[in-house]
């Protein structure tokens, strides 16, 4: 049996091990439950969260650790866009910090005029 997916849970290997390997959308937050990342699991919730937990570059260690909640869905992209839109509405159009860091940056190059 799986824990309540809407409740914040500690992002630890023990909790992750009890998750289904299923399509889902998840949010990761800090100790005070400020969302730092929203993503889709690409069909593999347990694998996606394990990889994220093991990546200190993408998910730096924070005092108090990280917490997550998830929504099982076969429509991951649709659910992801819904959560990102809700986040942006509450945060003046901004994405969560880790999502912002993952966005491709535009490079502006000087134009040589002959």
C-alpha atoms as a PDB file:
ATOM      1  CA  UNK A   1       0.000   0.000   0.000  1.00  0.00           C
ATOM      2  CA  UNK A   2       1.266   3.472  -0.879  1.00  0.00           C
ATOM      3  CA  UNK A   3       1.238   6.524   1.366  1.00  0.00           C
ATOM      4  CA  UNK A   4      -1.082   9.476   0.720  1.00  0.00           C
ATOM      5  CA  UNK A   5       0.337  11.054  -2.417  1.00  0.00           C
ATOM      6  CA  UNK A   6      -0.910  14.549  -1.518  1.00  0.00           C
ATOM      7  CA  UNK A   7       0.855  14.636   1.848  1.00  0.00           C
ATOM      8  CA  UNK A   8       4.426  15.891   2.002  1.00  0.00           C
ATOM      9  CA  UNK A   9       6.832  13.014   2.644  1.00  0.00           C
ATOM     10  CA  UNK A  10      10.562  13.104   3.373  1.00  0.00           C
ATOM     11  CA  UNK A  11      12.664  12.531   0.273  1.00  0.00           C
ATOM     12  CA  UNK A  12      14.693   9.606   1.605  1.00  0.00           C
ATOM     13  CA  UNK A  13      15.702   6.267   0.080  1.00  0.00           C
ATOM     14  CA  UNK A  14      13.412   4.406   2.498  1.00  0.00           C
ATOM     15  CA  UNK A  15      10.327   6.396   1.495  1.00  0.00           C
ATOM     16  CA  UNK A  16      11.208   6.310  -2.209  1.00  0.00           C
ATOM     17  CA  UNK A  17      11.579   2.515  -2.082  1.00  0.00           C
ATOM     18  CA  UNK A  18       7.907   2.207  -1.119  1.00  0.00           C
ATOM     19  CA  UNK A  19       6.631   4.180  -4.098  1.00  0.00           C
ATOM     20  CA  UNK A  20       5.034   2.700  -7.198  1.00  0.00           C
ATOM     21  CA  UNK A  21       6.974   2.594 -10.451  1.00  0.00           C
ATOM     22  CA  UNK A  22       4.230   4.459 -12.285  1.00  0.00           C
ATOM     23  CA  UNK A  23       3.522   7.578 -14.336  1.00  0.00           C
ATOM     24  CA  UNK A  24       3.247  10.625 -12.083  1.00  0.00           C
ATOM     25  CA  UNK A  25       3.962  14.289 -11.549  1.00  0.00           C
ATOM     26  CA  UNK A  26       5.830  15.319  -8.409  1.00  0.00           C
ATOM     27  CA  UNK A  27       6.851  18.402  -6.466  1.00  0.00           C
ATOM     28  CA  UNK A  28       9.955  18.687  -4.313  1.00  0.00           C
ATOM     29  CA  UNK A  29      10.152  21.232  -1.502  1.00  0.00           C
ATOM     30  CA  UNK A  30      12.494  22.339   1.252  1.00  0.00           C
ATOM     31  CA  UNK A  31      11.965  21.978   5.006  1.00  0.00           C
ATOM     32  CA  UNK A  32       9.301  24.720   5.144  1.00  0.00           C
ATOM     33  CA  UNK A  33       7.559  23.217   2.089  1.00  0.00           C
ATOM     34  CA  UNK A  34       8.545  25.927  -0.389  1.00  0.00           C
ATOM     35  CA  UNK A  35       8.463  24.159  -3.753  1.00  0.00           C
ATOM     36  CA  UNK A  36      11.870  24.073  -5.443  1.00  0.00           C
ATOM     37  CA  UNK A  37      11.138  21.673  -8.328  1.00  0.00           C
ATOM     38  CA  UNK A  38       8.170  20.305 -10.267  1.00  0.00           C
ATOM     39  CA  UNK A  39       8.609  17.479 -12.784  1.00  0.00           C
ATOM     40  CA  UNK A  40       7.033  14.481 -14.420  1.00  0.00           C
ATOM     41  CA  UNK A  41       8.256  10.986 -13.718  1.00  0.00           C
ATOM     42  CA  UNK A  42       8.227   9.832 -17.349  1.00  0.00           C
ATOM     43  CA  UNK A  43       6.425   6.657 -16.341  1.00  0.00           C
ATOM     44  CA  UNK A  44       8.813   5.773 -13.500  1.00  0.00           C
ATOM     45  CA  UNK A  45       8.122   7.635 -10.246  1.00  0.00           C
ATOM     46  CA  UNK A  46      10.450   5.588  -8.035  1.00  0.00           C
ATOM     47  CA  UNK A  47      13.300   5.686 -10.544  1.00  0.00           C
ATOM     48  CA  UNK A  48      12.896   9.428 -11.181  1.00  0.00           C
ATOM     49  CA  UNK A  49      12.944  10.343  -7.486  1.00  0.00           C
ATOM     50  CA  UNK A  50      15.881   8.014  -6.822  1.00  0.00           C
ATOM     51  CA  UNK A  51      17.893   9.664  -9.595  1.00  0.00           C
ATOM     52  CA  UNK A  52      16.982  13.123  -8.319  1.00  0.00           C
ATOM     53  CA  UNK A  53      17.870  12.238  -4.722  1.00  0.00           C
ATOM     54  CA  UNK A  54      21.271  10.946  -5.879  1.00  0.00           C
ATOM     55  CA  UNK A  55      22.096  14.076  -7.921  1.00  0.00           C
ATOM     56  CA  UNK A  56      23.661  16.719  -5.625  1.00  0.00           C
ATOM     57  CA  UNK A  57      24.146  19.077  -8.579  1.00  0.00           C
ATOM     58  CA  UNK A  58      20.459  19.163  -9.485  1.00  0.00           C
ATOM     59  CA  UNK A  59      19.190  18.842  -5.908  1.00  0.00           C
ATOM     60  CA  UNK A  60      21.792  20.363  -3.555  1.00  0.00           C
ATOM     61  CA  UNK A  61      21.863  19.236   0.063  1.00  0.00           C
ATOM     62  CA  UNK A  62      19.771  21.563   2.234  1.00  0.00           C
ATOM     63  CA  UNK A  63      19.445  21.875   6.009  1.00  0.00           C
ATOM     64  CA  UNK A  64      16.358  19.903   6.991  1.00  0.00           C
ATOM     65  CA  UNK A  65      16.422  17.877   3.775  1.00  0.00           C
ATOM     66  CA  UNK A  66      13.792  17.770   1.055  1.00  0.00           C
ATOM     67  CA  UNK A  67      10.175  16.683   0.949  1.00  0.00           C
ATOM     68  CA  UNK A  68       7.977  15.607  -1.944  1.00  0.00           C
ATOM     69  CA  UNK A  69       4.408  14.893  -2.927  1.00  0.00           C
ATOM     70  CA  UNK A  70       3.108  13.313  -6.096  1.00  0.00           C
ATOM     71  CA  UNK A  71       0.076  12.664  -8.249  1.00  0.00           C
ATOM     72  CA  UNK A  72      -0.261   9.402 -10.154  1.00  0.00           C
ATOM     73  CA  UNK A  73      -1.499  10.153 -13.664  1.00  0.00           C
ATOM     74  CA  UNK A  74      -1.317   8.710 -17.137  1.00  0.00           C
ATOM     75  CA  UNK A  75      -1.382  12.293 -18.487  1.00  0.00           C
ATOM     76  CA  UNK A  76       1.926  13.453 -17.106  1.00  0.00           C
ATOM     77  CA  UNK A  77       2.505  16.376 -19.471  1.00  0.00           C
ATOM     78  CA  UNK A  78      -0.977  17.774 -18.888  1.00  0.00           C
ATOM     79  CA  UNK A  79      -0.644  17.424 -15.096  1.00  0.00           C
ATOM     80  CA  UNK A  80       2.839  18.961 -15.181  1.00  0.00           C
ATOM     81  CA  UNK A  81       1.634  22.010 -17.103  1.00  0.00           C
ATOM     82  CA  UNK A  82      -1.281  22.414 -14.686  1.00  0.00           C
ATOM     83  CA  UNK A  83       1.065  22.421 -11.662  1.00  0.00           C
ATOM     84  CA  UNK A  84       3.583  24.743 -13.314  1.00  0.00           C
ATOM     85  CA  UNK A  85       0.800  27.159 -14.257  1.00  0.00           C
ATOM     86  CA  UNK A  86      -0.552  27.125 -10.695  1.00  0.00           C
ATOM     87  CA  UNK A  87       2.950  27.789  -9.331  1.00  0.00           C
ATOM     88  CA  UNK A  88       3.541  30.650 -11.782  1.00  0.00           C
ATOM     89  CA  UNK A  89       0.199  32.214 -10.872  1.00  0.00           C
ATOM     90  CA  UNK A  90       1.236  32.343  -7.211  1.00  0.00           C
ATOM     91  CA  UNK A  91       4.820  33.512  -7.901  1.00  0.00           C
ATOM     92  CA  UNK A  92       4.577  36.403 -10.387  1.00  0.00           C
ATOM     93  CA  UNK A  93       5.164  34.200 -13.423  1.00  0.00           C
ATOM     94  CA  UNK A  94       8.329  32.569 -12.064  1.00  0.00           C
ATOM     95  CA  UNK A  95       9.143  28.860 -12.184  1.00  0.00           C
ATOM     96  CA  UNK A  96      10.412  26.964  -9.123  1.00  0.00           C
ATOM     97  CA  UNK A  97      14.172  27.570  -8.601  1.00  0.00           C
ATOM     98  CA  UNK A  98      15.438  24.240  -9.973  1.00  0.00           C
ATOM     99  CA  UNK A  99      13.096  24.429 -12.973  1.00  0.00           C
ATOM    100  CA  UNK A 100      14.429  27.950 -13.651  1.00  0.00           C
ATOM    101  CA  UNK A 101      18.006  26.660 -13.571  1.00  0.00           C
ATOM    102  CA  UNK A 102      17.094  23.924 -16.061  1.00  0.00           C
ATOM    103  CA  UNK A 103      15.578  26.341 -18.598  1.00  0.00           C
ATOM    104  CA  UNK A 104      17.771  26.921 -21.621  1.00  0.00           C
ATOM    105  CA  UNK A 105      19.346  30.339 -21.474  1.00  0.00           C
ATOM    106  CA  UNK A 106      19.254  32.608 -24.474  1.00  0.00           C
ATOM    107  CA  UNK A 107      22.621  33.738 -25.695  1.00  0.00           C
ATOM    108  CA  UNK A 108      22.854  37.163 -27.166  1.00  0.00           C
ATOM    109  CA  UNK A 109      25.718  37.524 -29.579  1.00  0.00           C
ATOM    110  CA  UNK A 110      27.081  40.771 -30.902  1.00  0.00           C
ATOM    111  CA  UNK A 111      26.215  41.329 -34.496  1.00  0.00           C
ATOM    112  CA  UNK A 112      29.088  42.263 -36.745  1.00  0.00           C
ATOM    113  CA  UNK A 113      28.134  44.887 -39.241  1.00  0.00           C
ATOM    114  CA  UNK A 114      30.419  45.131 -42.248  1.00  0.00           C
END
